[in-house]
Amino acid sequence: MTGPDQRRGDRRVAVVTGASRGLGKGIALALGEAGYVVYVTGRSVTPGAHDLGGTVGETARAVTERGGTGIGVACDHRDDDAVADLVARVRAEAGVLDLLVNNAFAVPDGVTSSGGFWEKPLDVVMMFDVGLRSTYTTTWHAAPLLLASAARSPLVVNISGFGAICYLHGPAYGAVKAGVDKMTHDMAVDLADRGVSVVSLWPGLLRTERTMRVVDADPALYRDSLSIMEHPELTGRAIAALDAGPPTGKRERSGRALIGAELAIELGVSDIDGRRPVSRRTSLGGPATYSDAVVR
């Protein structure tokens, strides 16, 4: 194994949470292609143990194959001690943290089923733990290292979505997404003038393993949706482009929720198949605005 200095060099160091599969994996792969050192976190460590496949180790190896350095870290983001250990490892091995992508999210059974919220299992509230709380606690633990890396213009990206503004999968899901956006705004207030930027990012309809399993079961039903679906790597490409841009671009966007397709278009990023992404703002709405008032 290479030593920390050999592994990092002058490359930017990222942590992508919840990256065994799905959007997190796509983000990690895109960052690998851009040459990042990527710490990939998740609970899946045994191949075949999850019905959708994927492990942190497999994603880390794919990151390395793309040209970056992938480092798999088993981490349950409900466990504060495990998150603290993750950040301590990044500090010890890399010395800096340039990019934190808070993507870890729980998708409990029944959250996408029809019916009122009282007809769905109560365990959908686990989204508050892995989705909302985990975004806060991971950033809390990482904040000192991010601030110590301020000269490198670090960036925090909190993955949110259109559920923050429209009804999507019920009130629990919507509350998590709205909470992530407001948390992002308020984190940016605390981080203002400290060299660290933080944004929320809203992906569109994604071609993840979970989504494509549903699509493949009834292709005719989803025929129209396929034309606007995004590959998970598009989000990673947009994040890499934002992070690689001038610090002013990050500072100007700090505290805002950004629609991923629109950010990609602004930064000249296309999807992996060359398509120009399509914003869903017209059909689903756009991010909320908040008061400029600050009461401490």
C-alpha atoms as a PDB file:
ATOM      1  CA  MET A   1       0.000   0.000   0.000  1.00  0.00           C
ATOM      2  CA  THR A   2       1.237   3.487  -0.790  1.00  0.00           C
ATOM      3  CA  GLY A   3       1.803   5.980   1.971  1.00  0.00           C
ATOM      4  CA  PRO A   4      -0.590   8.898   2.563  1.00  0.00           C
ATOM      5  CA  ASP A   5       1.596  11.486   0.852  1.00  0.00           C
ATOM      6  CA  GLN A   6       2.195   9.284  -2.180  1.00  0.00           C
ATOM      7  CA  ARG A   7      -1.489   8.553  -2.441  1.00  0.00           C
ATOM      8  CA  ARG A   8      -2.686  12.137  -2.256  1.00  0.00           C
ATOM      9  CA  GLY A   9       0.028  14.187  -3.867  1.00  0.00           C
ATOM     10  CA  ASP A  10      -1.570  17.425  -5.075  1.00  0.00           C
ATOM     11  CA  ARG A  11      -4.855  15.764  -5.923  1.00  0.00           C
ATOM     12  CA  ARG A  12      -8.053  16.830  -4.237  1.00  0.00           C
ATOM     13  CA  VAL A  13      -9.430  14.596  -1.515  1.00  0.00           C
ATOM     14  CA  ALA A  14     -13.126  13.741  -1.339  1.00  0.00           C
ATOM     15  CA  VAL A  15     -15.454  11.789   0.906  1.00  0.00           C
ATOM     16  CA  VAL A  16     -18.615  10.441  -0.719  1.00  0.00           C
ATOM     17  CA  THR A  17     -21.050   8.885   1.747  1.00  0.00           C
ATOM     18  CA  GLY A  18     -23.432   6.085   0.854  1.00  0.00           C
ATOM     19  CA  ALA A  19     -21.516   5.084  -2.274  1.00  0.00           C
ATOM     20  CA  SER A  20     -21.776   1.304  -2.478  1.00  0.00           C
ATOM     21  CA  ARG A  21     -24.264   1.733  -5.322  1.00  0.00           C
ATOM     22  CA  GLY A  22     -26.701   4.214  -6.830  1.00  0.00           C
ATOM     23  CA  LEU A  23     -26.071   7.935  -6.938  1.00  0.00           C
ATOM     24  CA  GLY A  24     -23.165   7.804  -4.486  1.00  0.00           C
ATOM     25  CA  LYS A  25     -21.350   5.286  -6.649  1.00  0.00           C
ATOM     26  CA  GLY A  26     -21.923   7.414  -9.752  1.00  0.00           C
ATOM     27  CA  ILE A  27     -20.553  10.499  -7.992  1.00  0.00           C
ATOM     28  CA  ALA A  28     -17.501   8.591  -6.771  1.00  0.00           C
ATOM     29  CA  LEU A  29     -16.764   7.225 -10.263  1.00  0.00           C
ATOM     30  CA  ALA A  30     -16.997  10.668 -11.838  1.00  0.00           C
ATOM     31  CA  LEU A  31     -14.635  12.064  -9.209  1.00  0.00           C
ATOM     32  CA  GLY A  32     -12.255   9.185  -9.853  1.00  0.00           C
ATOM     33  CA  GLU A  33     -12.284  10.057 -13.537  1.00  0.00           C
ATOM     34  CA  ALA A  34     -11.371  13.613 -12.528  1.00  0.00           C
ATOM     35  CA  GLY A  35      -8.378  12.301 -10.564  1.00  0.00           C
ATOM     36  CA  TYR A  36      -9.607  12.641  -6.983  1.00  0.00           C
ATOM     37  CA  VAL A  37      -8.636  10.595  -3.980  1.00  0.00           C
ATOM     38  CA  VAL A  38     -12.090   9.355  -2.968  1.00  0.00           C
ATOM     39  CA  TYR A  39     -13.014   7.870   0.384  1.00  0.00           C
ATOM     40  CA  VAL A  40     -16.091   5.781  -0.355  1.00  0.00           C
ATOM     41  CA  THR A  41     -18.355   5.013   2.615  1.00  0.00           C
ATOM     42  CA  GLY A  42     -21.249   2.658   3.120  1.00  0.00           C
ATOM     43  CA  ARG A  43     -22.457  -0.364   5.040  1.00  0.00           C
ATOM     44  CA  SER A  44     -22.201  -2.905   2.212  1.00  0.00           C
ATOM     45  CA  VAL A  45     -18.919  -4.794   2.388  1.00  0.00           C
ATOM     46  CA  THR A  46     -19.848  -8.343   1.319  1.00  0.00           C
ATOM     47  CA  PRO A  47     -20.455  -8.938  -2.406  1.00  0.00           C
ATOM     48  CA  GLY A  48     -23.952 -10.221  -3.074  1.00  0.00           C
ATOM     49  CA  ALA A  49     -25.270  -9.405   0.395  1.00  0.00           C
ATOM     50  CA  HIS A  50     -27.545  -6.626  -0.915  1.00  0.00           C
ATOM     51  CA  ASP A  51     -30.241  -7.451  -3.466  1.00  0.00           C
ATOM     52  CA  LEU A  52     -29.120  -4.520  -5.619  1.00  0.00           C
ATOM     53  CA  GLY A  53     -25.454  -5.475  -5.427  1.00  0.00           C
ATOM     54  CA  GLY A  54     -22.484  -3.255  -4.746  1.00  0.00           C
ATOM     55  CA  THR A  55     -19.998  -2.762  -1.920  1.00  0.00           C
ATOM     56  CA  VAL A  56     -17.710   0.034  -0.803  1.00  0.00           C
ATOM     57  CA  GLY A  57     -14.728  -2.021  -1.905  1.00  0.00           C
ATOM     58  CA  GLU A  58     -16.098  -2.561  -5.401  1.00  0.00           C
ATOM     59  CA  THR A  59     -16.815   1.138  -5.808  1.00  0.00           C
ATOM     60  CA  ALA A  60     -13.349   2.052  -4.507  1.00  0.00           C
ATOM     61  CA  ARG A  61     -11.693  -0.283  -7.002  1.00  0.00           C
ATOM     62  CA  ALA A  62     -13.765   1.195  -9.827  1.00  0.00           C
ATOM     63  CA  VAL A  63     -12.691   4.698  -8.757  1.00  0.00           C
ATOM     64  CA  THR A  64      -9.056   3.619  -9.038  1.00  0.00           C
ATOM     65  CA  GLU A  65      -9.699   2.029 -12.445  1.00  0.00           C
ATOM     66  CA  ARG A  66     -11.080   5.374 -13.614  1.00  0.00           C
ATOM     67  CA  GLY A  67      -7.828   7.132 -12.762  1.00  0.00           C
ATOM     68  CA  GLY A  68      -8.405   8.279  -9.192  1.00  0.00           C
ATOM     69  CA  THR A  69      -7.586   6.572  -5.911  1.00  0.00           C
ATOM     70  CA  GLY A  70     -10.520   4.841  -4.285  1.00  0.00           C
ATOM     71  CA  ILE A  71     -10.470   3.984  -0.590  1.00  0.00           C
ATOM     72  CA  GLY A  72     -13.381   1.968   0.753  1.00  0.00           C
ATOM     73  CA  VAL A  73     -14.445   2.618   4.341  1.00  0.00           C
ATOM     74  CA  ALA A  74     -17.179   0.614   6.045  1.00  0.00           C
ATOM     75  CA  CYS A  75     -19.256   3.210   7.870  1.00  0.00           C
ATOM     76  CA  ASP A  76     -22.776   3.232   9.257  1.00  0.00           C
ATOM     77  CA  HIS A  77     -23.723   6.899   9.235  1.00  0.00           C
ATOM     78  CA  ARG A  78     -26.147   6.346  12.101  1.00  0.00           C
ATOM     79  CA  ASP A  79     -23.090   5.714  14.292  1.00  0.00           C
ATOM     80  CA  ASP A  80     -21.438   8.973  15.357  1.00  0.00           C
ATOM     81  CA  ASP A  81     -18.309   7.172  16.557  1.00  0.00           C
ATOM     82  CA  ALA A  82     -17.900   5.506  13.154  1.00  0.00           C
ATOM     83  CA  VAL A  83     -18.205   8.886  11.451  1.00  0.00           C
ATOM     84  CA  ALA A  84     -15.653  10.405  13.817  1.00  0.00           C
ATOM     85  CA  ASP A  85     -13.303   7.523  12.989  1.00  0.00           C
ATOM     86  CA  LEU A  86     -13.820   8.139   9.269  1.00  0.00           C
ATOM     87  CA  VAL A  87     -12.821  11.783   9.560  1.00  0.00           C
ATOM     88  CA  ALA A  88      -9.868  10.906  11.790  1.00  0.00           C
ATOM     89  CA  ARG A  89      -8.661   8.469   9.147  1.00  0.00           C
ATOM     90  CA  VAL A  90      -8.918  11.077   6.391  1.00  0.00           C
ATOM     91  CA  ARG A  91      -6.983  13.535   8.554  1.00  0.00           C
ATOM     92  CA  ALA A  92      -4.264  10.970   9.332  1.00  0.00           C
ATOM     93  CA  GLU A  93      -3.870   9.661   5.791  1.00  0.00           C
ATOM     94  CA  ALA A  94      -4.555  12.686   3.602  1.00  0.00           C
ATOM     95  CA  GLY A  95      -4.171  15.671   5.910  1.00  0.00           C
ATOM     96  CA  VAL A  96      -6.882  17.637   4.085  1.00  0.00           C
ATOM     97  CA  LEU A  97     -10.493  17.361   3.014  1.00  0.00           C
ATOM     98  CA  ASP A  98     -11.435  19.267  -0.141  1.00  0.00           C
ATOM     99  CA  LEU A  99     -14.868  17.857  -0.919  1.00  0.00           C
ATOM    100  CA  LEU A 100     -17.537  16.264   1.257  1.00  0.00           C
ATOM    101  CA  VAL A 101     -20.568  14.807  -0.523  1.00  0.00           C
ATOM    102  CA  ASN A 102     -23.335  13.905   1.916  1.00  0.00           C
ATOM    103  CA  ASN A 103     -25.282  11.345  -0.074  1.00  0.00           C
ATOM    104  CA  ALA A 104     -26.036   8.590   2.476  1.00  0.00           C
ATOM    105  CA  PHE A 105     -29.770   7.968   2.572  1.00  0.00           C
ATOM    106  CA  ALA A 106     -32.074   5.244   3.853  1.00  0.00           C
ATOM    107  CA  VAL A 107     -34.786   3.979   1.496  1.00  0.00           C
ATOM    108  CA  PRO A 108     -37.127   1.949   3.718  1.00  0.00           C
ATOM    109  CA  ASP A 109     -39.642  -0.479   2.291  1.00  0.00           C
ATOM    110  CA  GLY A 110     -42.960   1.167   1.550  1.00  0.00           C
ATOM    111  CA  VAL A 111     -41.772   4.747   1.183  1.00  0.00           C
ATOM    112  CA  THR A 112     -42.700   4.816  -2.524  1.00  0.00           C
ATOM    113  CA  SER A 113     -45.939   2.865  -2.171  1.00  0.00           C
ATOM    114  CA  SER A 114     -49.299   4.576  -2.676  1.00  0.00           C
ATOM    115  CA  GLY A 115     -51.518   5.628   0.200  1.00  0.00           C
ATOM    116  CA  GLY A 116     -51.490   8.145   3.001  1.00  0.00           C
ATOM    117  CA  PHE A 117     -48.563   8.487   5.364  1.00  0.00           C
ATOM    118  CA  TRP A 118     -50.470   6.630   8.099  1.00  0.00           C
ATOM    119  CA  GLU A 119     -50.792   3.647   5.780  1.00  0.00           C
ATOM    120  CA  LYS A 120     -47.054   3.325   5.301  1.00  0.00           C
ATOM    121  CA  PRO A 121     -44.734   1.616   7.789  1.00  0.00           C
ATOM    122  CA  LEU A 122     -43.611   3.865  10.612  1.00  0.00           C
ATOM    123  CA  ASP A 123     -40.030   2.870   9.964  1.00  0.00           C
ATOM    124  CA  VAL A 124     -39.939   5.355   7.071  1.00  0.00           C
ATOM    125  CA  VAL A 125     -38.759   7.736   9.791  1.00  0.00           C
ATOM    126  CA  MET A 126     -35.326   6.118   9.441  1.00  0.00           C
ATOM    127  CA  MET A 127     -34.881   8.671   6.635  1.00  0.00           C
ATOM    128  CA  PHE A 128     -34.567  11.300   9.344  1.00  0.00           C
ATOM    129  CA  ASP A 129     -31.567   9.394  10.729  1.00  0.00           C
ATOM    130  CA  VAL A 130     -29.881   8.492   7.431  1.00  0.00           C
ATOM    131  CA  GLY A 131     -30.605  11.449   5.209  1.00  0.00           C
ATOM    132  CA  LEU A 132     -31.160  14.433   7.494  1.00  0.00           C
ATOM    133  CA  ARG A 133     -29.345  13.729  10.761  1.00  0.00           C
ATOM    134  CA  SER A 134     -26.473  11.974   8.993  1.00  0.00           C
ATOM    135  CA  THR A 135     -25.903  15.003   6.780  1.00  0.00           C
ATOM    136  CA  TYR A 136     -25.627  17.203   9.862  1.00  0.00           C
ATOM    137  CA  THR A 137     -23.444  14.873  11.932  1.00  0.00           C
ATOM    138  CA  THR A 138     -21.027  14.008   9.137  1.00  0.00           C
ATOM    139  CA  THR A 139     -20.530  17.687   8.343  1.00  0.00           C
ATOM    140  CA  TRP A 140     -20.190  18.475  12.067  1.00  0.00           C
ATOM    141  CA  HIS A 141     -17.406  15.927  12.434  1.00  0.00           C
ATOM    142  CA  ALA A 142     -15.739  17.029   9.192  1.00  0.00           C
ATOM    143  CA  ALA A 143     -15.992  20.787   9.797  1.00  0.00           C
ATOM    144  CA  PRO A 144     -12.648  21.216  11.643  1.00  0.00           C
ATOM    145  CA  LEU A 145     -10.773  19.413   8.847  1.00  0.00           C
ATOM    146  CA  LEU A 146     -12.624  21.389   6.182  1.00  0.00           C
ATOM    147  CA  LEU A 147     -11.763  24.634   7.946  1.00  0.00           C
ATOM    148  CA  ALA A 148      -8.142  23.569   8.281  1.00  0.00           C
ATOM    149  CA  SER A 149      -8.169  23.015   4.501  1.00  0.00           C
ATOM    150  CA  ALA A 150      -9.683  26.450   3.785  1.00  0.00           C
ATOM    151  CA  ALA A 151      -6.740  27.537   1.630  1.00  0.00           C
ATOM    152  CA  ARG A 152      -7.796  24.814  -0.832  1.00  0.00           C
ATOM    153  CA  SER A 153     -11.356  26.210  -1.108  1.00  0.00           C
ATOM    154  CA  PRO A 154     -13.203  23.113   0.134  1.00  0.00           C
ATOM    155  CA  LEU A 155     -16.799  22.355  -0.805  1.00  0.00           C
ATOM    156  CA  VAL A 156     -19.631  20.508   0.926  1.00  0.00           C
ATOM    157  CA  VAL A 157     -22.399  19.108  -1.285  1.00  0.00           C
ATOM    158  CA  ASN A 158     -25.580  17.911   0.415  1.00  0.00           C
ATOM    159  CA  ILE A 159     -27.709  15.737  -1.845  1.00  0.00           C
ATOM    160  CA  SER A 160     -31.347  16.824  -1.679  1.00  0.00           C
ATOM    161  CA  GLY A 161     -34.091  16.807  -4.282  1.00  0.00           C
ATOM    162  CA  PHE A 162     -37.387  18.019  -5.668  1.00  0.00           C
ATOM    163  CA  GLY A 163     -39.218  16.504  -2.714  1.00  0.00           C
ATOM    164  CA  ALA A 164     -38.180  19.639  -0.835  1.00  0.00           C
ATOM    165  CA  ILE A 165     -40.660  21.686  -2.855  1.00  0.00           C
ATOM    166  CA  CYS A 166     -43.309  19.269  -4.190  1.00  0.00           C
ATOM    167  CA  TYR A 167     -45.180  16.255  -2.827  1.00  0.00           C
ATOM    168  CA  LEU A 168     -42.918  13.299  -3.475  1.00  0.00           C
ATOM    169  CA  HIS A 169     -43.229   9.950  -1.659  1.00  0.00           C
ATOM    170  CA  GLY A 170     -45.050  11.530   1.279  1.00  0.00           C
ATOM    171  CA  PRO A 171     -44.406  13.966   4.132  1.00  0.00           C
ATOM    172  CA  ALA A 172     -41.455  12.173   5.734  1.00  0.00           C
ATOM    173  CA  TYR A 173     -39.452  12.163   2.501  1.00  0.00           C
ATOM    174  CA  GLY A 174     -40.371  15.788   1.817  1.00  0.00           C
ATOM    175  CA  ALA A 175     -39.445  16.905   5.318  1.00  0.00           C
ATOM    176  CA  VAL A 176     -35.995  15.329   4.978  1.00  0.00           C
ATOM    177  CA  LYS A 177     -35.287  17.050   1.665  1.00  0.00           C
ATOM    178  CA  ALA A 178     -36.624  20.415   2.843  1.00  0.00           C
ATOM    179  CA  GLY A 179     -34.588  20.045   6.023  1.00  0.00           C
ATOM    180  CA  VAL A 180     -31.392  19.351   4.093  1.00  0.00           C
ATOM    181  CA  ASP A 181     -31.901  22.504   2.030  1.00  0.00           C
ATOM    182  CA  LYS A 182     -32.528  24.711   5.075  1.00  0.00           C
ATOM    183  CA  MET A 183     -29.582  23.110   6.870  1.00  0.00           C
ATOM    184  CA  THR A 184     -27.417  23.929   3.850  1.00  0.00           C
ATOM    185  CA  HIS A 185     -28.521  27.564   3.953  1.00  0.00           C
ATOM    186  CA  ASP A 186     -27.768  27.858   7.658  1.00  0.00           C
ATOM    187  CA  MET A 187     -24.445  26.036   7.439  1.00  0.00           C
ATOM    188  CA  ALA A 188     -23.418  28.544   4.786  1.00  0.00           C
ATOM    189  CA  VAL A 189     -24.230  31.387   7.187  1.00  0.00           C
ATOM    190  CA  ASP A 190     -21.879  29.895   9.785  1.00  0.00           C
ATOM    191  CA  LEU A 191     -19.195  29.177   7.171  1.00  0.00           C
ATOM    192  CA  ALA A 192     -19.365  32.571   5.468  1.00  0.00           C
ATOM    193  CA  ASP A 193     -15.915  34.161   5.109  1.00  0.00           C
ATOM    194  CA  ARG A 194     -14.226  30.996   6.415  1.00  0.00           C
ATOM    195  CA  GLY A 195     -13.200  29.618   3.029  1.00  0.00           C
ATOM    196  CA  VAL A 196     -15.660  26.694   2.979  1.00  0.00           C
ATOM    197  CA  SER A 197     -18.690  26.614   0.655  1.00  0.00           C
ATOM    198  CA  VAL A 198     -21.772  24.414   1.018  1.00  0.00           C
ATOM    199  CA  VAL A 199     -24.566  23.731  -1.463  1.00  0.00           C
ATOM    200  CA  SER A 200     -27.557  21.443  -1.838  1.00  0.00           C
ATOM    201  CA  LEU A 201     -27.850  19.579  -5.123  1.00  0.00           C
ATOM    202  CA  TRP A 202     -31.037  18.192  -6.667  1.00  0.00           C
ATOM    203  CA  PRO A 203     -30.525  15.339  -9.119  1.00  0.00           C
ATOM    204  CA  GLY A 204     -33.239  14.497 -11.620  1.00  0.00           C
ATOM    205  CA  LEU A 205     -34.791  11.081 -12.214  1.00  0.00           C
ATOM    206  CA  LEU A 206     -31.811   8.752 -11.963  1.00  0.00           C
ATOM    207  CA  ARG A 207     -30.803   5.543 -13.718  1.00  0.00           C
ATOM    208  CA  THR A 208     -29.817   3.827 -10.495  1.00  0.00           C
ATOM    209  CA  GLU A 209     -29.986   0.091  -9.923  1.00  0.00           C
ATOM    210  CA  ARG A 210     -33.142   0.576  -7.837  1.00  0.00           C
ATOM    211  CA  THR A 211     -34.916   2.730 -10.418  1.00  0.00           C
ATOM    212  CA  MET A 212     -33.937   0.600 -13.394  1.00  0.00           C
ATOM    213  CA  ARG A 213     -35.263  -2.513 -11.667  1.00  0.00           C
ATOM    214  CA  VAL A 214     -38.666  -0.831 -11.615  1.00  0.00           C
ATOM    215  CA  VAL A 215     -38.329   0.419 -15.190  1.00  0.00           C
ATOM    216  CA  ASP A 216     -37.238  -2.962 -16.512  1.00  0.00           C
ATOM    217  CA  ALA A 217     -40.309  -4.568 -14.955  1.00  0.00           C
ATOM    218  CA  ASP A 218     -42.618  -2.409 -17.103  1.00  0.00           C
ATOM    219  CA  PRO A 219     -40.642  -0.644 -19.871  1.00  0.00           C
ATOM    220  CA  ALA A 220     -43.749   0.612 -21.674  1.00  0.00           C
ATOM    221  CA  LEU A 221     -44.953   2.495 -18.607  1.00  0.00           C
ATOM    222  CA  TYR A 222     -41.661   4.378 -18.289  1.00  0.00           C
ATOM    223  CA  ARG A 223     -40.898   4.867 -21.978  1.00  0.00           C
ATOM    224  CA  ASP A 224     -41.351   8.663 -21.823  1.00  0.00           C
ATOM    225  CA  SER A 225     -39.293   8.971 -18.637  1.00  0.00           C
ATOM    226  CA  LEU A 226     -36.265   7.244 -20.124  1.00  0.00           C
ATOM    227  CA  SER A 227     -35.542  10.200 -22.392  1.00  0.00           C
ATOM    228  CA  ILE A 228     -34.952  12.540 -19.429  1.00  0.00           C
ATOM    229  CA  MET A 229     -33.388  10.129 -16.946  1.00  0.00           C
ATOM    230  CA  GLU A 230     -29.912  11.040 -15.765  1.00  0.00           C
ATOM    231  CA  HIS A 231     -27.006   8.682 -15.218  1.00  0.00           C
ATOM    232  CA  PRO A 232     -25.708   8.978 -11.650  1.00  0.00           C
ATOM    233  CA  GLU A 233     -22.333  10.074 -12.980  1.00  0.00           C
ATOM    234  CA  LEU A 234     -23.850  13.290 -14.337  1.00  0.00           C
ATOM    235  CA  THR A 235     -24.230  14.534 -10.761  1.00  0.00           C
ATOM    236  CA  GLY A 236     -20.606  13.646 -10.076  1.00  0.00           C
ATOM    237  CA  ARG A 237     -19.457  15.432 -13.202  1.00  0.00           C
ATOM    238  CA  ALA A 238     -21.337  18.571 -12.187  1.00  0.00           C
ATOM    239  CA  ILE A 239     -19.846  18.433  -8.689  1.00  0.00           C
ATOM    240  CA  ALA A 240     -16.330  17.971 -10.074  1.00  0.00           C
ATOM    241  CA  ALA A 241     -16.799  20.915 -12.444  1.00  0.00           C
ATOM    242  CA  LEU A 242     -18.053  23.165  -9.655  1.00  0.00           C
ATOM    243  CA  ASP A 243     -15.225  22.123  -7.352  1.00  0.00           C
ATOM    244  CA  ALA A 244     -12.614  22.637 -10.079  1.00  0.00           C
ATOM    245  CA  GLY A 245     -13.901  26.094 -10.906  1.00  0.00           C
ATOM    246  CA  PRO A 246     -12.816  29.352  -9.314  1.00  0.00           C
ATOM    247  CA  PRO A 247     -13.459  29.747  -5.577  1.00  0.00           C
ATOM    248  CA  THR A 248     -15.757  32.670  -6.373  1.00  0.00           C
ATOM    249  CA  GLY A 249     -18.108  30.309  -8.195  1.00  0.00           C
ATOM    250  CA  LYS A 250     -18.440  28.201  -5.081  1.00  0.00           C
ATOM    251  CA  ARG A 251     -18.806  31.181  -2.754  1.00  0.00           C
ATOM    252  CA  GLU A 252     -21.515  32.751  -4.915  1.00  0.00           C
ATOM    253  CA  ARG A 253     -23.559  29.543  -4.798  1.00  0.00           C
ATOM    254  CA  SER A 254     -22.931  28.767  -1.139  1.00  0.00           C
ATOM    255  CA  GLY A 255     -26.125  28.307   0.856  1.00  0.00           C
ATOM    256  CA  ARG A 256     -28.249  27.638  -2.212  1.00  0.00           C
ATOM    257  CA  ALA A 257     -30.097  24.596  -3.444  1.00  0.00           C
ATOM    258  CA  LEU A 258     -29.103  23.912  -7.053  1.00  0.00           C
ATOM    259  CA  ILE A 259     -30.879  21.800  -9.642  1.00  0.00           C
ATOM    260  CA  GLY A 260     -28.237  19.399 -10.915  1.00  0.00           C
ATOM    261  CA  ALA A 261     -29.270  19.601 -14.569  1.00  0.00           C
ATOM    262  CA  GLU A 262     -29.138  23.390 -14.488  1.00  0.00           C
ATOM    263  CA  LEU A 263     -25.745  23.427 -12.802  1.00  0.00           C
ATOM    264  CA  ALA A 264     -24.423  20.989 -15.392  1.00  0.00           C
ATOM    265  CA  ILE A 265     -25.660  23.180 -18.227  1.00  0.00           C
ATOM    266  CA  GLU A 266     -24.143  26.302 -16.635  1.00  0.00           C
ATOM    267  CA  LEU A 267     -20.778  24.546 -16.315  1.00  0.00           C
ATOM    268  CA  GLY A 268     -20.846  22.937 -19.763  1.00  0.00           C
ATOM    269  CA  VAL A 269     -21.219  19.383 -18.466  1.00  0.00           C
ATOM    270  CA  SER A 270     -23.021  16.672 -20.437  1.00  0.00           C
ATOM    271  CA  ASP A 271     -24.247  13.254 -19.358  1.00  0.00           C
ATOM    272  CA  ILE A 272     -22.072  10.212 -20.004  1.00  0.00           C
ATOM    273  CA  ASP A 273     -23.985   9.458 -23.211  1.00  0.00           C
ATOM    274  CA  GLY A 274     -23.389  12.996 -24.459  1.00  0.00           C
ATOM    275  CA  ARG A 275     -26.937  14.201 -23.805  1.00  0.00           C
ATOM    276  CA  ARG A 276     -27.677  17.669 -22.470  1.00  0.00           C
ATOM    277  CA  PRO A 277     -29.503  17.219 -19.156  1.00  0.00           C
ATOM    278  CA  VAL A 278     -33.102  18.397 -18.785  1.00  0.00           C
ATOM    279  CA  SER A 279     -34.208  20.402 -15.749  1.00  0.00           C
ATOM    280  CA  ARG A 280     -37.489  19.345 -14.163  1.00  0.00           C
ATOM    281  CA  ARG A 281     -38.133  22.808 -12.724  1.00  0.00           C
ATOM    282  CA  THR A 282     -41.136  23.445 -14.980  1.00  0.00           C
ATOM    283  CA  SER A 283     -42.976  20.306 -13.885  1.00  0.00           C
ATOM    284  CA  LEU A 284     -41.836  19.981 -10.257  1.00  0.00           C
ATOM    285  CA  GLY A 285     -40.839  23.481  -9.117  1.00  0.00           C
ATOM    286  CA  GLY A 286     -37.652  25.169  -8.031  1.00  0.00           C
ATOM    287  CA  PRO A 287     -35.744  25.682  -4.769  1.00  0.00           C
ATOM    288  CA  ALA A 288     -37.177  27.798  -1.986  1.00  0.00           C
ATOM    289  CA  THR A 289     -35.721  31.147  -0.995  1.00  0.00           C
ATOM    290  CA  TYR A 290     -34.913  32.116   2.578  1.00  0.00           C
ATOM    291  CA  SER A 291     -34.765  35.358   4.496  1.00  0.00           C
ATOM    292  CA  ASP A 292     -31.421  37.146   4.713  1.00  0.00           C
ATOM    293  CA  ALA A 293     -32.063  37.840   8.385  1.00  0.00           C
ATOM    294  CA  VAL A 294     -29.552  36.308  10.813  1.00  0.00           C
ATOM    295  CA  VAL A 295     -30.498  36.034  14.489  1.00  0.00           C
ATOM    296  CA  ARG A 296     -27.729  34.700  16.726  1.00  0.00           C
END
